[in-house]
C-alpha cells in the first residue's frame, strides 16, 4: 500500500500507479483536467510519464465551461 494526498485528502493505493490509470479509475477525462504533482503543474503531454508514488501530493482540477 502507498499513501498520498489528492486534493488535500488522504488516499491509499495498492501500488505505485500511473497518473492516467488513476484518472481512469476516477472516471475523469484527462483532457478535461489540470494536474499538479508535488507542486509542479504537469503538461497534458506528460501525463503518461507520471507515476503516483508514496508521499506524493496531487491536485486535480476539472475544467468548467460557462460564460
PDB file of N, CA and C in Angstrom:
ATOM      1  N   UNK A   1       0.836  -1.189   0.000  1.00  0.00           N
ATOM      2  CA  UNK A   1       0.000   0.000   0.000  1.00  0.00           C
ATOM      3  C   UNK A   1       0.876   1.247   0.000  1.00  0.00           C
ATOM      4  N   UNK A   2       0.447   2.254  -0.747  1.00  0.00           N
ATOM      5  CA  UNK A   2       1.123   3.552  -0.697  1.00  0.00           C
ATOM      6  C   UNK A   2       0.103   4.600  -0.273  1.00  0.00           C
ATOM      7  N   UNK A   3       0.582   5.626   0.404  1.00  0.00           N
ATOM      8  CA  UNK A   3      -0.275   6.724   0.861  1.00  0.00           C
ATOM      9  C   UNK A   3       0.149   8.001   0.157  1.00  0.00           C
ATOM     10  N   UNK A   4      -0.841   8.777  -0.267  1.00  0.00           N
ATOM     11  CA  UNK A   4      -0.574  10.056  -0.878  1.00  0.00           C
ATOM     12  C   UNK A   4      -1.735  10.994  -0.595  1.00  0.00           C
ATOM     13  N   UNK A   5      -1.605  12.239  -0.994  1.00  0.00           N
ATOM     14  CA  UNK A   5      -2.665  13.221  -0.823  1.00  0.00           C
ATOM     15  C   UNK A   5      -3.178  13.639  -2.182  1.00  0.00           C
ATOM     16  N   UNK A   6      -4.504  13.563  -2.351  1.00  0.00           N
ATOM     17  CA  UNK A   6      -5.132  14.001  -3.590  1.00  0.00           C
ATOM     18  C   UNK A   6      -6.182  15.047  -3.220  1.00  0.00           C
ATOM     19  N   UNK A   7      -6.006  16.246  -3.745  1.00  0.00           N
ATOM     20  CA  UNK A   7      -6.905  17.366  -3.438  1.00  0.00           C
ATOM     21  C   UNK A   7      -7.081  17.539  -1.928  1.00  0.00           C
ATOM     22  N   UNK A   8      -5.972  17.400  -1.203  1.00  0.00           N
ATOM     23  CA  UNK A   8      -5.972  17.621   0.238  1.00  0.00           C
ATOM     24  C   UNK A   8      -6.491  16.470   1.070  1.00  0.00           C
ATOM     25  N   UNK A   9      -6.866  15.358   0.442  1.00  0.00           N
ATOM     26  CA  UNK A   9      -7.398  14.210   1.172  1.00  0.00           C
ATOM     27  C   UNK A   9      -6.426  13.041   1.107  1.00  0.00           C
ATOM     28  N   UNK A  10      -6.352  12.301   2.207  1.00  0.00           N
ATOM     29  CA  UNK A  10      -5.506  11.113   2.283  1.00  0.00           C
ATOM     30  C   UNK A  10      -6.092  10.021   1.388  1.00  0.00           C
ATOM     31  N   UNK A  11      -5.255   9.447   0.529  1.00  0.00           N
ATOM     32  CA  UNK A  11      -5.676   8.377  -0.382  1.00  0.00           C
ATOM     33  C   UNK A  11      -4.662   7.244  -0.268  1.00  0.00           C
ATOM     34  N   UNK A  12      -5.151   6.010  -0.288  1.00  0.00           N
ATOM     35  CA  UNK A  12      -4.269   4.844  -0.312  1.00  0.00           C
ATOM     36  C   UNK A  12      -4.498   4.073  -1.600  1.00  0.00           C
ATOM     37  N   UNK A  13      -3.404   3.715  -2.233  1.00  0.00           N
ATOM     38  CA  UNK A  13      -3.447   2.903  -3.449  1.00  0.00           C
ATOM     39  C   UNK A  13      -2.678   1.616  -3.206  1.00  0.00           C
ATOM     40  N   UNK A  14      -3.011   0.574  -3.929  1.00  0.00           N
ATOM     41  CA  UNK A  14      -2.357  -0.724  -3.736  1.00  0.00           C
ATOM     42  C   UNK A  14      -0.873  -0.696  -4.071  1.00  0.00           C
ATOM     43  N   UNK A  15      -0.508   0.123  -5.055  1.00  0.00           N
ATOM     44  CA  UNK A  15       0.881   0.147  -5.546  1.00  0.00           C
ATOM     45  C   UNK A  15       1.108   1.473  -6.260  1.00  0.00           C
ATOM     46  N   UNK A  16       2.354   1.806  -6.582  1.00  0.00           N
ATOM     47  CA  UNK A  16       2.573   2.980  -7.427  1.00  0.00           C
ATOM     48  C   UNK A  16       1.703   2.859  -8.685  1.00  0.00           C
ATOM     49  N   UNK A  17       1.041   3.946  -9.044  1.00  0.00           N
ATOM     50  CA  UNK A  17       0.019   3.909 -10.088  1.00  0.00           C
ATOM     51  C   UNK A  17       0.255   5.011 -11.121  1.00  0.00           C
ATOM     52  N   UNK A  18       0.242   4.663 -12.406  1.00  0.00           N
ATOM     53  CA  UNK A  18       0.359   5.697 -13.434  1.00  0.00           C
ATOM     54  C   UNK A  18      -0.783   6.715 -13.296  1.00  0.00           C
ATOM     55  N   UNK A  19      -0.466   7.980 -13.490  1.00  0.00           N
ATOM     56  CA  UNK A  19      -1.468   9.042 -13.372  1.00  0.00           C
ATOM     57  C   UNK A  19      -2.673   8.771 -14.266  1.00  0.00           C
ATOM     58  N   UNK A  20      -2.436   8.382 -15.522  1.00  0.00           N
ATOM     59  CA  UNK A  20      -3.561   8.137 -16.429  1.00  0.00           C
ATOM     60  C   UNK A  20      -4.460   7.010 -15.931  1.00  0.00           C
ATOM     61  N   UNK A  21      -3.879   5.973 -15.335  1.00  0.00           N
ATOM     62  CA  UNK A  21      -4.678   4.873 -14.783  1.00  0.00           C
ATOM     63  C   UNK A  21      -5.507   5.367 -13.599  1.00  0.00           C
ATOM     64  N   UNK A  22      -4.927   6.238 -12.767  1.00  0.00           N
ATOM     65  CA  UNK A  22      -5.660   6.780 -11.624  1.00  0.00           C
ATOM     66  C   UNK A  22      -6.819   7.658 -12.095  1.00  0.00           C
ATOM     67  N   UNK A  23      -6.583   8.513 -13.086  1.00  0.00           N
ATOM     68  CA  UNK A  23      -7.659   9.343 -13.619  1.00  0.00           C
ATOM     69  C   UNK A  23      -8.768   8.479 -14.200  1.00  0.00           C
ATOM     70  N   UNK A  24      -8.396   7.402 -14.894  1.00  0.00           N
ATOM     71  CA  UNK A  24      -9.386   6.476 -15.449  1.00  0.00           C
ATOM     72  C   UNK A  24     -10.193   5.821 -14.332  1.00  0.00           C
ATOM     73  N   UNK A  25      -9.517   5.442 -13.261  1.00  0.00           N
ATOM     74  CA  UNK A  25     -10.178   4.830 -12.106  1.00  0.00           C
ATOM     75  C   UNK A  25     -11.209   5.791 -11.500  1.00  0.00           C
ATOM     76  N   UNK A  26     -10.908   7.080 -11.546  1.00  0.00           N
ATOM     77  CA  UNK A  26     -11.834   8.099 -11.031  1.00  0.00           C
ATOM     78  C   UNK A  26     -12.945   8.425 -12.026  1.00  0.00           C
ATOM     79  N   UNK A  27     -12.801   7.956 -13.266  1.00  0.00           N
ATOM     80  CA  UNK A  27     -13.775   8.275 -14.307  1.00  0.00           C
ATOM     81  C   UNK A  27     -13.598   9.689 -14.845  1.00  0.00           C
ATOM     82  N   UNK A  28     -12.357  10.180 -14.792  1.00  0.00           N
ATOM     83  CA  UNK A  28     -12.049  11.546 -15.207  1.00  0.00           C
ATOM     84  C   UNK A  28     -11.369  11.547 -16.576  1.00  0.00           C
ATOM     85  N   UNK A  29     -11.863  12.400 -17.460  1.00  0.00           N
ATOM     86  CA  UNK A  29     -11.260  12.554 -18.780  1.00  0.00           C
ATOM     87  C   UNK A  29      -9.977  13.373 -18.620  1.00  0.00           C
ATOM     88  N   UNK A  30      -8.812  12.827 -18.961  1.00  0.00           N
ATOM     89  CA  UNK A  30      -7.557  13.555 -18.786  1.00  0.00           C
ATOM     90  C   UNK A  30      -7.493  14.868 -19.563  1.00  0.00           C
ATOM     91  N   UNK A  31      -8.300  15.006 -20.619  1.00  0.00           N
ATOM     92  CA  UNK A  31      -8.302  16.241 -21.394  1.00  0.00           C
ATOM     93  C   UNK A  31      -9.132  17.336 -20.728  1.00  0.00           C
ATOM     94  N   UNK A  32      -9.882  16.973 -19.675  1.00  0.00           N
ATOM     95  CA  UNK A  32     -10.778  17.935 -19.018  1.00  0.00           C
ATOM     96  C   UNK A  32     -10.273  18.359 -17.638  1.00  0.00           C
ATOM     97  N   UNK A  33      -9.007  18.036 -17.332  1.00  0.00           N
ATOM     98  CA  UNK A  33      -8.470  18.400 -16.025  1.00  0.00           C
ATOM     99  C   UNK A  33      -7.069  18.994 -16.157  1.00  0.00           C
ATOM    100  N   UNK A  34      -6.699  19.739 -15.125  1.00  0.00           N
ATOM    101  CA  UNK A  34      -5.316  20.182 -14.959  1.00  0.00           C
ATOM    102  C   UNK A  34      -4.797  19.440 -13.733  1.00  0.00           C
ATOM    103  N   UNK A  35      -3.533  19.016 -13.770  1.00  0.00           N
ATOM    104  CA  UNK A  35      -2.962  18.239 -12.669  1.00  0.00           C
ATOM    105  C   UNK A  35      -1.676  18.893 -12.184  1.00  0.00           C
ATOM    106  N   UNK A  36      -1.605  19.040 -10.861  1.00  0.00           N
ATOM    107  CA  UNK A  36      -0.376  19.492 -10.208  1.00  0.00           C
ATOM    108  C   UNK A  36       0.155  18.305  -9.415  1.00  0.00           C
ATOM    109  N   UNK A  37       1.415  17.966  -9.631  1.00  0.00           N
ATOM    110  CA  UNK A  37       2.045  16.812  -8.989  1.00  0.00           C
ATOM    111  C   UNK A  37       3.247  17.302  -8.200  1.00  0.00           C
ATOM    112  N   UNK A  38       3.177  17.180  -6.878  1.00  0.00           N
ATOM    113  CA  UNK A  38       4.258  17.637  -5.993  1.00  0.00           C
ATOM    114  C   UNK A  38       4.661  19.083  -6.274  1.00  0.00           C
ATOM    115  N   UNK A  39       3.646  19.939  -6.444  1.00  0.00           N
ATOM    116  CA  UNK A  39       3.886  21.361  -6.606  1.00  0.00           C
ATOM    117  C   UNK A  39       4.196  21.820  -8.020  1.00  0.00           C
ATOM    118  N   UNK A  40       4.199  20.895  -8.964  1.00  0.00           N
ATOM    119  CA  UNK A  40       4.526  21.230 -10.356  1.00  0.00           C
ATOM    120  C   UNK A  40       3.346  20.920 -11.262  1.00  0.00           C
ATOM    121  N   UNK A  41       2.926  21.901 -12.047  1.00  0.00           N
ATOM    122  CA  UNK A  41       1.829  21.674 -12.994  1.00  0.00           C
ATOM    123  C   UNK A  41       2.348  20.794 -14.120  1.00  0.00           C
ATOM    124  N   UNK A  42       1.618  19.735 -14.405  1.00  0.00           N
ATOM    125  CA  UNK A  42       2.032  18.753 -15.409  1.00  0.00           C
ATOM    126  C   UNK A  42       1.359  19.064 -16.745  1.00  0.00           C
ATOM    127  N   UNK A  43       2.146  19.140 -17.794  1.00  0.00           N
ATOM    128  CA  UNK A  43       1.599  19.301 -19.147  1.00  0.00           C
ATOM    129  C   UNK A  43       0.826  18.025 -19.505  1.00  0.00           C
ATOM    130  N   UNK A  44      -0.288  18.182 -20.210  1.00  0.00           N
ATOM    131  CA  UNK A  44      -1.078  17.001 -20.596  1.00  0.00           C
ATOM    132  C   UNK A  44      -0.235  15.974 -21.353  1.00  0.00           C
ATOM    133  N   UNK A  45       0.670  16.457 -22.169  1.00  0.00           N
ATOM    134  CA  UNK A  45       1.504  15.540 -22.955  1.00  0.00           C
ATOM    135  C   UNK A  45       2.423  14.709 -22.063  1.00  0.00           C
ATOM    136  N   UNK A  46       2.617  15.119 -20.810  1.00  0.00           N
ATOM    137  CA  UNK A  46       3.497  14.388 -19.891  1.00  0.00           C
ATOM    138  C   UNK A  46       2.725  13.499 -18.923  1.00  0.00           C
ATOM    139  N   UNK A  47       1.393  13.512 -18.978  1.00  0.00           N
ATOM    140  CA  UNK A  47       0.602  12.701 -18.047  1.00  0.00           C
ATOM    141  C   UNK A  47       1.036  11.234 -18.072  1.00  0.00           C
ATOM    142  N   UNK A  48       1.330  10.717 -19.265  1.00  0.00           N
ATOM    143  CA  UNK A  48       1.665   9.291 -19.378  1.00  0.00           C
ATOM    144  C   UNK A  48       2.994   8.948 -18.713  1.00  0.00           C
ATOM    145  N   UNK A  49       3.822   9.936 -18.449  1.00  0.00           N
ATOM    146  CA  UNK A  49       5.125   9.649 -17.833  1.00  0.00           C
ATOM    147  C   UNK A  49       5.120   9.812 -16.313  1.00  0.00           C
ATOM    148  N   UNK A  50       3.970  10.216 -15.740  1.00  0.00           N
ATOM    149  CA  UNK A  50       3.881  10.440 -14.292  1.00  0.00           C
ATOM    150  C   UNK A  50       3.314   9.207 -13.603  1.00  0.00           C
ATOM    151  N   UNK A  51       4.002   8.764 -12.546  1.00  0.00           N
ATOM    152  CA  UNK A  51       3.520   7.660 -11.715  1.00  0.00           C
ATOM    153  C   UNK A  51       3.344   8.175 -10.299  1.00  0.00           C
ATOM    154  N   UNK A  52       2.180   7.909  -9.724  1.00  0.00           N
ATOM    155  CA  UNK A  52       1.893   8.322  -8.351  1.00  0.00           C
ATOM    156  C   UNK A  52       2.583   7.363  -7.390  1.00  0.00           C
ATOM    157  N   UNK A  53       3.331   7.937  -6.432  1.00  0.00           N
ATOM    158  CA  UNK A  53       4.128   7.139  -5.501  1.00  0.00           C
ATOM    159  C   UNK A  53       3.893   7.593  -4.065  1.00  0.00           C
ATOM    160  N   UNK A  54       4.425   6.824  -3.132  1.00  0.00           N
ATOM    161  CA  UNK A  54       4.316   7.099  -1.698  1.00  0.00           C
ATOM    162  C   UNK A  54       4.662   8.562  -1.402  1.00  0.00           C
ATOM    163  N   UNK A  55       3.770   9.235  -0.660  1.00  0.00           N
ATOM    164  CA  UNK A  55       4.031  10.592  -0.201  1.00  0.00           C
ATOM    165  C   UNK A  55       3.755  11.695  -1.203  1.00  0.00           C
ATOM    166  N   UNK A  56       3.334  11.351  -2.421  1.00  0.00           N
ATOM    167  CA  UNK A  56       3.058  12.378  -3.428  1.00  0.00           C
ATOM    168  C   UNK A  56       1.892  13.260  -2.996  1.00  0.00           C
ATOM    169  N   UNK A  57       1.907  14.492  -3.502  1.00  0.00           N
ATOM    170  CA  UNK A  57       0.809  15.441  -3.329  1.00  0.00           C
ATOM    171  C   UNK A  57       0.290  15.781  -4.715  1.00  0.00           C
ATOM    172  N   UNK A  58      -1.005  15.545  -4.928  1.00  0.00           N
ATOM    173  CA  UNK A  58      -1.609  15.742  -6.243  1.00  0.00           C
ATOM    174  C   UNK A  58      -2.841  16.630  -6.111  1.00  0.00           C
ATOM    175  N   UNK A  59      -2.972  17.570  -7.016  1.00  0.00           N
ATOM    176  CA  UNK A  59      -4.186  18.374  -7.121  1.00  0.00           C
ATOM    177  C   UNK A  59      -4.751  18.145  -8.519  1.00  0.00           C
ATOM    178  N   UNK A  60      -6.033  17.789  -8.579  1.00  0.00           N
ATOM    179  CA  UNK A  60      -6.707  17.565  -9.857  1.00  0.00           C
ATOM    180  C   UNK A  60      -7.840  18.569  -9.936  1.00  0.00           C
ATOM    181  N   UNK A  61      -7.798  19.429 -10.957  1.00  0.00           N
ATOM    182  CA  UNK A  61      -8.801  20.482 -11.110  1.00  0.00           C
ATOM    183  C   UNK A  61      -9.547  20.256 -12.411  1.00  0.00           C
ATOM    184  N   UNK A  62     -10.855  20.148 -12.302  1.00  0.00           N
ATOM    185  CA  UNK A  62     -11.693  19.963 -13.500  1.00  0.00           C
ATOM    186  C   UNK A  62     -11.953  21.293 -14.167  1.00  0.00           C
ATOM    187  N   UNK A  63     -11.909  21.275 -15.492  1.00  0.00           N
ATOM    188  CA  UNK A  63     -12.228  22.464 -16.266  1.00  0.00           C
ATOM    189  C   UNK A  63     -13.755  22.613 -16.309  1.00  0.00           C
ATOM    190  N   UNK A  64     -14.233  23.819 -16.085  1.00  0.00           N
ATOM    191  CA  UNK A  64     -15.663  24.075 -16.107  1.00  0.00           C
ATOM    192  C   UNK A  64     -15.946  25.146 -17.145  1.00  0.00           C
ATOM    193  N   UNK A  65     -16.816  24.810 -18.076  1.00  0.00           N
ATOM    194  CA  UNK A  65     -17.179  25.778 -19.103  1.00  0.00           C
ATOM    195  C   UNK A  65     -18.310  26.665 -18.622  1.00  0.00           C
ATOM    196  N   UNK A  66     -18.461  27.755 -19.249  1.00  0.00           N
ATOM    197  CA  UNK A  66     -19.550  28.656 -18.877  1.00  0.00           C
ATOM    198  C   UNK A  66     -19.251  30.059 -19.357  1.00  0.00           C
ATOM    199  N   UNK A  67     -20.131  30.925 -19.046  1.00  0.00           N
ATOM    200  CA  UNK A  67     -19.873  32.273 -19.522  1.00  0.00           C
ATOM    201  C   UNK A  67     -20.784  33.224 -18.965  1.00  0.00           C
TER     202      UNK A  67
END
